[in-house]
Amino acid sequence: MGEEIKKGRICVTGATGFLGSWTVKRLLEDGYSVNATIRMDPDKKRDISYLTTLPGAKERLNIYNADLDNPESFGAALEGCTGVFHMAHPLDFEEKEPEETKIKRVVNGVRAILQSCLDSKTVKRVVYTSSISAVAFTKINNAATDIIDESCWTDVELVRSVKAFAGPYIVTKTLAERAAQEFAEEKGLDVVILNPTWVTGPFICPKIPDTVDISMALIFGDKSHYPMLMDSSLVHVDDVARAHIYLFEYPKAKGRYICSALEFKIHQLSEFLSSRYPHFQMPTPDSWKDVPTFKVSGLSSKKLLETGFKYENGLEEMFDGAIESCKQKGLLK
């Protein structure tokens, strides 16, 4: 029991996802106890052994069923927690439901979960996982010299008008983060926000995560994802998990923090991949010469780095990890 008192208990919502599952792993390694929430699974049909067999899970991991559509369902998972990492967000790139419905659900869900944190009386800080999507798509994004920092907000109307890839996801992430900030200010809840760029690296969840799939597009030869790699940025999943823990523990953390480790153009990524993994056939530069650019670069991590946080992983670790996980899952020869 001494260990639990020392490190305390953290609730991770969306624990079955790419970042959620890796963060649970990280927290257990760091000596925390974890209450992990997963989507309703009354018949216990879903295989979550990748969480329950983690080192330390037997002693310090509890699994709770909870659903964003019914935020009260998170109450039990919050009991006794000093921190909450709110990572759950409906990922619907295929846009199966109207944007309006989605926005209402996500915004109401965020507010209700934060209200539950307030009601718990034990939660000292919430680290809310937003996204670079809520930061990067601003009008200034056309000029080459502009640095995107925490003062920038995605222009929701601009995203709607250009019908961007994953537009509704970008819009809901932006509005959900705004709702989280407004709630925190209104009610005096300590909410710190992390805005990671494309996250890649190894994964313990059963399916390949969308962002890993996108980062591996040159290896998979998936042209539909090239626009996202033309002028982009990446961060290793372990650095994002560590950043959550770091900001939870860092007393002076306040507001939002961009989390982006490195930037590249598609030809640089291609050169890196072909020299490090010569057995993969890289597409020729011709294959992306007419590809439109979905720009995710010019991001400043200065605010996060000034707290003393350090990124520990570069492209080598990102792709070594992603490739290894894909091989283990039978996605790569």
Protein backbone atom coordinates (compact mmCIF):
# COMPACT_ATOMS: atom_id res chain seq x y z
CA MET A 1 0.00 0.00 0.00
CA GLY A 2 2.90 2.37 0.65
CA GLU A 3 3.53 2.64 -3.07
CA GLU A 4 -0.04 3.70 -3.83
CA ILE A 5 0.06 6.48 -1.23
CA LYS A 6 3.39 7.65 -2.61
CA LYS A 7 2.33 7.89 -6.24
CA GLY A 8 -1.44 8.11 -5.95
CA ARG A 9 -4.14 6.99 -8.36
CA ILE A 10 -4.79 8.37 -11.84
CA CYS A 11 -7.92 7.83 -13.92
CA VAL A 12 -7.23 7.42 -17.66
CA THR A 13 -10.30 7.74 -19.91
CA GLY A 14 -10.17 6.13 -23.34
CA ALA A 15 -7.66 3.60 -22.03
CA THR A 16 -8.07 1.09 -24.89
CA GLY A 17 -6.83 3.60 -27.50
CA PHE A 18 -3.30 4.03 -28.83
CA LEU A 19 -2.23 6.81 -26.48
CA GLY A 20 -4.48 5.71 -23.61
CA SER A 21 -3.11 2.16 -23.46
CA TRP A 22 0.50 3.34 -23.72
CA THR A 23 -0.09 5.91 -20.96
CA VAL A 24 -1.56 3.23 -18.69
CA LYS A 25 1.61 1.18 -19.31
CA ARG A 26 3.79 4.21 -18.50
CA LEU A 27 1.89 5.12 -15.32
CA LEU A 28 2.16 1.55 -14.01
CA GLU A 29 5.90 1.56 -14.76
CA ASP A 30 6.18 4.83 -12.82
CA GLY A 31 4.51 3.30 -9.76
CA TYR A 32 1.05 4.88 -10.07
CA SER A 33 -2.23 3.06 -9.51
CA VAL A 34 -4.56 3.40 -12.48
CA ASN A 35 -8.33 3.43 -12.93
CA ALA A 36 -8.79 2.87 -16.66
CA THR A 37 -12.11 3.52 -18.39
CA ILE A 38 -13.16 1.57 -21.46
CA ARG A 39 -16.33 1.84 -23.56
CA MET A 40 -19.33 -0.14 -22.35
CA ASP A 41 -18.66 -3.85 -22.74
CA PRO A 42 -21.37 -5.53 -20.63
CA ASP A 43 -20.74 -9.03 -21.99
CA LYS A 44 -16.96 -8.79 -21.37
CA LYS A 45 -16.42 -9.77 -25.01
CA ARG A 46 -13.63 -7.35 -25.76
CA ASP A 47 -10.09 -8.62 -25.29
CA ILE A 48 -8.29 -6.13 -23.07
CA SER A 49 -5.54 -8.51 -22.02
CA TYR A 50 -3.01 -6.06 -23.50
CA LEU A 51 -3.92 -3.84 -20.52
CA THR A 52 -4.57 -6.41 -17.81
CA THR A 53 -1.29 -8.30 -18.41
CA LEU A 54 0.93 -5.19 -18.18
CA PRO A 55 3.61 -5.28 -15.47
CA GLY A 56 2.03 -3.99 -12.25
CA ALA A 57 -1.53 -4.31 -13.62
CA LYS A 58 -2.53 -7.13 -11.29
CA GLU A 59 -1.82 -5.04 -8.21
CA ARG A 60 -2.55 -1.50 -9.42
CA LEU A 61 -4.91 -1.46 -12.42
CA ASN A 62 -8.70 -1.32 -12.17
CA ILE A 63 -10.91 -1.37 -15.28
CA TYR A 64 -14.22 0.52 -15.42
CA ASN A 65 -16.92 0.61 -18.07
CA ALA A 66 -17.86 4.18 -19.00
CA ASP A 67 -19.44 5.88 -21.97
CA LEU A 68 -19.04 9.46 -23.24
CA ASP A 69 -22.77 9.48 -24.06
CA ASN A 70 -23.47 8.93 -20.39
CA PRO A 71 -20.83 10.97 -18.52
CA GLU A 72 -22.27 10.02 -15.11
CA SER A 73 -20.87 6.56 -15.85
CA PHE A 74 -17.37 7.95 -15.13
CA GLY A 75 -18.16 8.65 -11.45
CA ALA A 76 -17.02 5.30 -10.06
CA ALA A 77 -13.71 5.43 -11.96
CA LEU A 78 -12.89 8.86 -10.50
CA GLU A 79 -13.24 7.76 -6.88
CA GLY A 80 -10.03 8.19 -4.95
CA CYS A 81 -8.11 9.62 -7.93
CA THR A 82 -5.87 12.65 -7.53
CA GLY A 83 -5.43 13.08 -11.27
CA VAL A 84 -7.43 12.45 -14.43
CA PHE A 85 -5.99 12.09 -17.93
CA HIS A 86 -9.02 12.71 -20.13
CA MET A 87 -8.10 11.07 -23.45
CA ALA A 88 -11.43 9.63 -24.61
CA HIS A 89 -12.72 11.29 -27.78
CA PRO A 90 -14.93 9.79 -30.49
CA LEU A 91 -12.73 9.20 -33.54
CA ASP A 92 -14.96 9.31 -36.57
CA PHE A 93 -12.89 10.24 -39.61
CA GLU A 94 -15.58 8.65 -41.78
CA GLU A 95 -18.14 11.18 -40.59
CA LYS A 96 -20.94 8.74 -39.93
CA GLU A 97 -23.03 11.26 -38.00
CA PRO A 98 -23.84 14.95 -38.53
CA GLU A 99 -21.28 17.42 -37.18
CA GLU A 100 -23.91 19.16 -35.02
CA THR A 101 -24.77 15.91 -33.18
CA LYS A 102 -21.12 15.14 -32.64
CA ILE A 103 -20.25 18.61 -31.32
CA LYS A 104 -23.12 18.53 -28.84
CA ARG A 105 -22.13 15.09 -27.60
CA VAL A 106 -18.44 15.89 -27.26
CA VAL A 107 -18.86 19.31 -25.64
CA ASN A 108 -21.53 18.10 -23.20
CA GLY A 109 -19.40 15.06 -22.45
CA VAL A 110 -16.31 17.14 -21.64
CA ARG A 111 -18.25 19.49 -19.37
CA ALA A 112 -19.98 16.61 -17.58
CA ILE A 113 -16.75 14.69 -16.99
CA LEU A 114 -15.04 17.81 -15.64
CA GLN A 115 -18.06 18.36 -13.38
CA SER A 116 -17.60 14.79 -12.07
CA CYS A 117 -13.92 15.60 -11.39
CA LEU A 118 -15.02 18.64 -9.41
CA ASP A 119 -17.63 16.61 -7.51
CA SER A 120 -15.08 13.90 -6.65
CA LYS A 121 -13.34 16.26 -4.18
CA THR A 122 -10.11 14.24 -4.61
CA VAL A 123 -9.07 15.21 -8.18
CA LYS A 124 -6.38 17.87 -7.94
CA ARG A 125 -5.59 18.25 -11.64
CA VAL A 126 -7.00 17.14 -14.98
CA VAL A 127 -4.64 16.76 -17.93
CA TYR A 128 -6.86 17.03 -20.98
CA THR A 129 -5.65 15.54 -24.27
CA SER A 130 -6.49 17.96 -27.02
CA SER A 131 -4.72 17.92 -30.38
CA ILE A 132 -2.67 20.07 -32.69
CA SER A 133 -5.94 20.12 -34.66
CA ALA A 134 -7.21 22.71 -32.18
CA VAL A 135 -4.18 24.94 -32.74
CA ALA A 136 -2.69 24.73 -36.21
CA PHE A 137 -5.43 25.62 -38.71
CA THR A 138 -5.40 29.39 -38.44
CA LYS A 139 -5.50 32.06 -41.12
CA ILE A 140 -1.84 32.90 -40.53
CA ASN A 141 -1.00 29.39 -41.62
CA ASN A 142 -0.24 30.54 -45.18
CA ALA A 143 2.92 32.47 -44.40
CA ALA A 144 6.11 30.42 -44.34
CA THR A 145 7.68 32.27 -41.40
CA ASP A 146 4.82 31.95 -38.96
CA ILE A 147 5.39 30.03 -35.79
CA ILE A 148 2.36 28.27 -34.37
CA ASP A 149 2.29 28.51 -30.59
CA GLU A 150 -0.22 28.11 -27.76
CA SER A 151 -1.85 31.49 -28.50
CA CYS A 152 -3.07 30.16 -31.88
CA TRP A 153 -6.54 28.66 -32.27
CA THR A 154 -7.92 26.74 -35.21
CA ASP A 155 -10.39 28.79 -37.22
CA VAL A 156 -13.43 26.52 -37.20
CA GLU A 157 -15.21 28.40 -40.01
CA LEU A 158 -12.07 28.17 -42.17
CA VAL A 159 -11.90 24.40 -41.64
CA ARG A 160 -15.57 24.07 -42.57
CA SER A 161 -15.26 26.23 -45.65
CA VAL A 162 -12.30 24.34 -47.14
CA LYS A 163 -13.87 20.95 -46.27
CA ALA A 164 -10.55 19.78 -44.83
CA PHE A 165 -9.63 16.10 -44.37
CA ALA A 166 -11.08 15.02 -41.00
CA GLY A 167 -12.77 18.43 -40.83
CA PRO A 168 -15.44 17.45 -38.30
CA TYR A 169 -12.76 15.85 -36.08
CA ILE A 170 -10.73 19.09 -36.19
CA VAL A 171 -13.84 21.14 -35.41
CA THR A 172 -14.97 18.94 -32.50
CA LYS A 173 -11.46 18.81 -30.98
CA THR A 174 -11.26 22.61 -31.13
CA LEU A 175 -14.70 23.21 -29.61
CA ALA A 176 -14.18 20.52 -26.96
CA GLU A 177 -10.91 22.11 -25.86
CA ARG A 178 -12.55 25.52 -25.69
CA ALA A 179 -15.32 24.00 -23.57
CA ALA A 180 -12.74 22.43 -21.22
CA GLN A 181 -10.95 25.76 -20.81
CA GLU A 182 -14.19 27.67 -20.19
CA PHE A 183 -15.32 25.12 -17.61
CA ALA A 184 -11.97 25.29 -15.81
CA GLU A 185 -12.14 29.09 -15.62
CA GLU A 186 -15.80 29.17 -14.55
CA LYS A 187 -15.49 26.55 -11.82
CA GLY A 188 -11.87 26.95 -10.73
CA LEU A 189 -10.85 23.40 -11.69
CA ASP A 190 -7.13 22.89 -12.44
CA VAL A 191 -7.11 21.73 -16.07
CA VAL A 192 -3.86 21.53 -18.05
CA ILE A 193 -4.10 20.85 -21.79
CA LEU A 194 -1.72 18.95 -24.07
CA ASN A 195 -1.82 19.48 -27.85
CA PRO A 196 0.18 16.68 -29.49
CA THR A 197 0.89 16.62 -33.21
CA TRP A 198 0.71 13.30 -35.19
CA VAL A 199 1.61 10.57 -32.69
CA THR A 200 3.54 7.49 -33.86
CA GLY A 201 5.77 4.71 -32.57
CA PRO A 202 5.10 1.28 -31.04
CA PHE A 203 1.57 0.31 -29.96
CA ILE A 204 0.10 -2.31 -27.65
CA CYS A 205 -3.53 -1.97 -28.77
CA PRO A 206 -4.72 -4.69 -31.19
CA LYS A 207 -5.37 -2.56 -34.30
CA ILE A 208 -2.94 -0.21 -36.01
CA PRO A 209 -3.75 3.33 -34.80
CA ASP A 210 -4.81 5.82 -37.51
CA THR A 211 -1.89 8.16 -36.83
CA VAL A 212 0.65 5.31 -37.04
CA ASP A 213 -0.98 4.17 -40.30
CA ILE A 214 -0.58 7.72 -41.67
CA SER A 215 3.06 8.00 -40.55
CA MET A 216 3.80 4.65 -42.27
CA ALA A 217 2.15 5.63 -45.58
CA LEU A 218 5.42 5.62 -47.55
CA ILE A 219 6.20 2.09 -46.33
CA PHE A 220 2.64 0.87 -46.98
CA GLY A 221 2.51 2.74 -50.31
CA ASP A 222 -0.78 4.33 -49.29
CA LYS A 223 -1.08 7.44 -51.47
CA SER A 224 -4.26 8.62 -49.76
CA HIS A 225 -2.17 9.56 -46.71
CA TYR A 226 0.62 11.40 -48.57
CA PRO A 227 -0.98 14.86 -48.09
CA MET A 228 -0.47 14.51 -44.32
CA LEU A 229 3.24 13.79 -44.79
CA MET A 230 4.10 16.56 -47.27
CA ASP A 231 5.08 19.12 -44.62
CA SER A 232 4.48 17.60 -41.25
CA SER A 233 5.50 16.89 -37.66
CA LEU A 234 5.65 13.81 -35.45
CA VAL A 235 6.02 12.91 -31.80
CA HIS A 236 6.71 9.50 -30.22
CA VAL A 237 3.83 7.98 -28.25
CA ASP A 238 6.06 7.50 -25.20
CA ASP A 239 7.01 11.18 -25.18
CA VAL A 240 3.32 12.14 -25.27
CA ALA A 241 2.52 9.75 -22.40
CA ARG A 242 5.50 11.11 -20.44
CA ALA A 243 4.39 14.69 -21.14
CA HIS A 244 0.99 13.95 -19.56
CA ILE A 245 2.63 12.58 -16.42
CA TYR A 246 5.16 15.41 -16.35
CA LEU A 247 2.48 18.10 -16.60
CA PHE A 248 0.42 16.37 -13.92
CA GLU A 249 3.44 16.42 -11.57
CA TYR A 250 4.81 19.86 -12.53
CA PRO A 251 3.40 22.34 -9.96
CA LYS A 252 3.45 25.41 -12.21
CA ALA A 253 1.76 23.81 -15.25
CA LYS A 254 -0.92 26.12 -16.64
CA GLY A 255 -2.94 26.40 -19.84
CA ARG A 256 -2.08 24.53 -23.02
CA TYR A 257 1.18 22.93 -24.23
CA ILE A 258 2.08 21.98 -27.80
CA CYS A 259 3.85 18.60 -27.96
CA SER A 260 5.76 18.18 -31.24
CA ALA A 261 9.21 16.62 -31.38
CA LEU A 262 10.33 17.09 -34.99
CA GLU A 263 9.32 18.36 -38.40
CA PHE A 264 10.07 17.11 -41.91
CA LYS A 265 9.12 17.32 -45.57
CA ILE A 266 8.04 14.14 -47.38
CA HIS A 267 11.31 13.84 -49.36
CA GLN A 268 13.33 13.98 -46.11
CA LEU A 269 11.17 11.27 -44.57
CA SER A 270 11.56 9.14 -47.69
CA GLU A 271 15.37 9.53 -47.60
CA PHE A 272 15.47 8.64 -43.91
CA LEU A 273 13.30 5.54 -44.37
CA SER A 274 15.18 4.22 -47.40
CA SER A 275 18.58 4.59 -45.74
CA ARG A 276 17.52 3.05 -42.41
CA TYR A 277 15.25 0.33 -43.81
CA PRO A 278 16.64 -0.42 -47.28
CA HIS A 279 14.48 -3.56 -47.59
CA PHE A 280 11.35 -1.39 -47.92
CA GLN A 281 10.76 -0.12 -51.44
CA MET A 282 10.18 3.64 -51.27
CA PRO A 283 7.90 5.31 -53.83
CA THR A 284 9.61 7.70 -56.26
CA PRO A 285 9.32 11.48 -55.76
CA ASP A 286 7.03 11.50 -58.81
CA SER A 287 4.34 9.80 -56.77
CA TRP A 288 3.83 12.88 -54.59
CA LYS A 289 4.59 15.70 -57.03
CA ASP A 290 0.91 16.61 -57.49
CA VAL A 291 -0.21 15.80 -53.95
CA PRO A 292 -1.86 18.72 -52.11
CA THR A 293 -0.11 19.71 -48.88
CA PHE A 294 -1.90 19.39 -45.56
CA LYS A 295 0.60 21.49 -43.57
CA VAL A 296 1.29 20.55 -39.95
CA SER A 297 4.62 22.23 -39.31
CA GLY A 298 5.96 25.45 -37.82
CA LEU A 299 4.89 24.26 -34.37
CA SER A 300 6.67 25.61 -31.31
CA SER A 301 7.28 23.30 -28.33
CA LYS A 302 9.11 26.11 -26.51
CA LYS A 303 6.55 26.40 -23.68
CA LEU A 304 6.72 22.66 -22.87
CA LEU A 305 10.53 22.56 -23.11
CA GLU A 306 10.87 25.59 -20.82
CA THR A 307 9.26 23.56 -18.01
CA GLY A 308 12.28 21.21 -18.17
CA PHE A 309 10.55 18.46 -20.17
CA LYS A 310 12.75 16.69 -22.76
CA TYR A 311 11.81 14.62 -25.80
CA GLU A 312 13.63 11.30 -25.64
CA ASN A 313 12.79 9.86 -29.06
CA GLY A 314 13.67 10.77 -32.63
CA LEU A 315 12.65 9.34 -36.02
CA GLU A 316 14.72 6.18 -35.42
CA GLU A 317 12.81 5.24 -32.26
CA MET A 318 9.46 6.24 -33.79
CA PHE A 319 9.83 4.07 -36.88
CA ASP A 320 11.78 1.21 -35.25
CA GLY A 321 8.88 0.95 -32.77
CA ALA A 322 6.07 1.34 -35.31
CA ILE A 323 7.63 -1.19 -37.72
CA GLU A 324 8.28 -3.72 -34.94
CA SER A 325 4.66 -3.45 -33.69
CA CYS A 326 3.33 -3.80 -37.25
CA LYS A 327 5.44 -6.94 -37.74
CA GLN A 328 4.19 -8.44 -34.47
CA LYS A 329 0.60 -7.81 -35.61
CA GLY A 330 1.28 -9.38 -39.02
CA LEU A 331 0.86 -6.11 -40.92
CA LEU A 332 4.39 -6.16 -42.38
CA LYS A 333 6.62 -8.91 -43.68
